[in-house]
Protein backbone atom coordinates (compact mmCIF):
# COMPACT_ATOMS: atom_id res chain seq x y z
CA UNK A 1 70.76 110.60 177.67
CA UNK A 2 72.38 113.96 176.92
CA UNK A 3 70.19 114.91 173.93
CA UNK A 4 69.12 118.16 175.69
CA UNK A 5 72.82 119.27 175.28
CA UNK A 6 72.62 119.02 171.50
CA UNK A 7 71.78 122.19 169.61
CA UNK A 8 71.65 124.89 172.30
CA UNK A 9 68.54 127.02 172.21
CA UNK A 10 68.79 130.46 170.63
CA UNK A 11 72.30 129.69 169.23
CA UNK A 12 71.51 129.51 165.48
CA UNK A 13 72.41 132.61 163.56
CA UNK A 14 73.83 133.77 160.21
CA UNK A 15 77.55 134.52 160.04
CA UNK A 16 78.72 137.81 158.46
CA UNK A 17 82.29 138.33 157.31
CA UNK A 18 83.43 141.34 155.35
CA UNK A 19 79.83 142.41 154.96
CA UNK A 20 78.74 139.17 153.38
CA UNK A 21 76.71 136.36 154.90
CA UNK A 22 78.95 133.34 154.49
CA UNK A 23 76.80 130.77 156.27
CA UNK A 24 75.27 130.05 159.63
CA UNK A 25 76.29 128.56 162.91
CA UNK A 26 74.90 126.87 165.96
CA UNK A 27 76.25 125.63 169.21
CA UNK A 28 76.24 122.25 170.95
CA UNK A 29 77.44 120.97 174.29
CA UNK A 30 79.07 117.63 174.51
CA UNK A 31 76.78 114.55 174.89
CA UNK A 32 78.98 112.99 177.53
CA UNK A 33 79.93 113.75 181.19
CA UNK A 34 83.58 114.72 180.47
CA UNK A 35 85.70 116.36 177.81
CA UNK A 36 87.22 114.73 174.76
CA UNK A 37 89.83 115.71 172.14
CA UNK A 38 88.31 116.78 168.84
CA UNK A 39 89.74 113.66 167.25
CA UNK A 40 87.06 111.65 169.16
CA UNK A 41 84.20 113.47 167.46
CA UNK A 42 82.96 110.75 165.09
CA UNK A 43 80.53 112.89 163.08
CA UNK A 44 78.42 116.00 163.01
CA UNK A 45 75.44 116.41 160.74
CA UNK A 46 73.23 119.34 160.03
CA UNK A 47 69.86 119.24 158.26
CA UNK A 48 67.80 122.32 157.28
CA UNK A 49 64.16 121.92 156.30
CA UNK A 50 64.76 118.24 155.53
CA UNK A 51 67.84 118.82 153.42
CA UNK A 52 71.19 117.45 154.62
CA UNK A 53 74.16 119.83 154.61
CA UNK A 54 77.16 118.32 152.74
CA UNK A 55 79.84 117.11 155.20
CA UNK A 56 82.51 119.21 153.56
CA UNK A 57 80.52 122.44 154.30
CA UNK A 58 80.73 121.87 158.09
CA UNK A 59 83.47 123.43 160.24
CA UNK A 60 83.86 123.24 164.00
CA UNK A 61 85.63 125.23 166.69
CA UNK A 62 86.07 125.08 170.43
CA UNK A 63 87.40 128.63 170.61
CA UNK A 64 85.90 130.36 167.55
CA UNK A 65 89.45 131.22 166.46
CA UNK A 66 90.71 127.95 164.96
CA UNK A 67 88.27 126.11 162.68
CA UNK A 68 88.49 122.49 161.50
CA UNK A 69 86.67 120.49 158.86
CA UNK A 70 85.20 117.16 160.01
CA UNK A 71 88.04 115.35 158.14
CA UNK A 72 90.66 117.53 159.82
CA UNK A 73 89.15 116.88 163.21
CA UNK A 74 90.02 113.19 162.94
CA UNK A 75 93.59 114.02 163.77
CA UNK A 76 93.20 117.05 166.11
CA UNK A 77 94.36 115.95 169.58
CA UNK A 78 95.59 119.35 170.82
CA UNK A 79 92.10 120.89 171.14
CA UNK A 80 89.80 119.47 173.73
CA UNK A 81 86.01 119.85 173.81
CA UNK A 82 85.30 120.28 177.52
CA UNK A 83 82.07 119.44 179.30
CA UNK A 84 79.96 122.59 179.66
CA UNK A 85 81.90 124.44 176.94
CA UNK A 86 79.98 124.72 173.65
CA UNK A 87 81.35 123.55 170.32
CA UNK A 88 80.50 125.97 167.53
CA UNK A 89 79.31 124.31 164.34
CA UNK A 90 79.54 126.48 161.29
CA UNK A 91 77.90 125.69 157.93
CA UNK A 92 79.44 127.37 154.94
CA UNK A 93 76.54 128.41 152.70
CA UNK A 94 76.47 131.56 150.67
CA UNK A 95 73.64 133.77 151.95
CA UNK A 96 73.20 131.59 155.07
CA UNK A 97 69.67 130.84 156.19
CA UNK A 98 66.93 132.87 154.52
CA UNK A 99 64.68 135.08 156.65
CA UNK A 100 61.77 133.19 158.19
CA UNK A 101 61.23 129.92 160.01
CA UNK A 102 63.35 126.80 159.49
CA UNK A 103 63.51 123.33 160.96
CA UNK A 104 67.12 122.72 161.83
CA UNK A 105 68.45 119.32 163.04
CA UNK A 106 71.84 118.75 164.59
CA UNK A 107 73.33 115.28 164.99
CA UNK A 108 76.44 114.80 167.16
CA UNK A 109 78.26 111.45 167.37
CA UNK A 110 81.30 111.02 169.66
CA UNK A 111 83.54 108.22 170.78
CA UNK A 112 84.73 107.80 174.34
CA UNK A 113 87.52 105.90 175.97
CA UNK A 114 85.35 103.59 178.04
CA UNK A 115 82.32 102.89 175.94
CA UNK A 116 82.79 100.61 172.90
CA UNK A 117 80.05 102.12 170.75
CA UNK A 118 79.72 105.77 169.68
CA UNK A 119 77.30 108.03 171.56
CA UNK A 120 74.83 109.85 169.32
CA UNK A 121 72.53 112.71 170.09
CA UNK A 122 70.02 114.54 167.90
CA UNK A 123 68.03 117.71 168.44
CA UNK A 124 65.64 119.40 166.03
CA UNK A 125 64.66 123.01 166.64
CA UNK A 126 62.39 125.54 164.99
CA UNK A 127 64.67 128.50 164.22
CA UNK A 128 63.45 131.98 163.24
CA UNK A 129 65.89 134.16 161.24
CA UNK A 130 64.98 137.83 161.33
């Protein structure tokens, strides 16, 4: 239902720190009609050109200041992912995405207080890295 919120258009880019490309990031809006604490994010998956990114290489942030691994997010109740506010998903990968065109898929699975099954959304985009 909210799949159009997954993987915001034009949000995929390489991340540079101290002059080095440490990975890439993309943004997603919540696939629900209200906010949730980060502990209710069941899973996030990223796939590039048909290759799944290892779970341990994924970090997330609601404010781009404090970053959490997917395992850490299981207990994070003090940060809330609000409706309409993007979550930044960062993939740690030396060199980031190479120049050119890539097929990038983002999967977001969340739990909610009133629905007994997780809500999942997936969006695949063609991304061009200059």
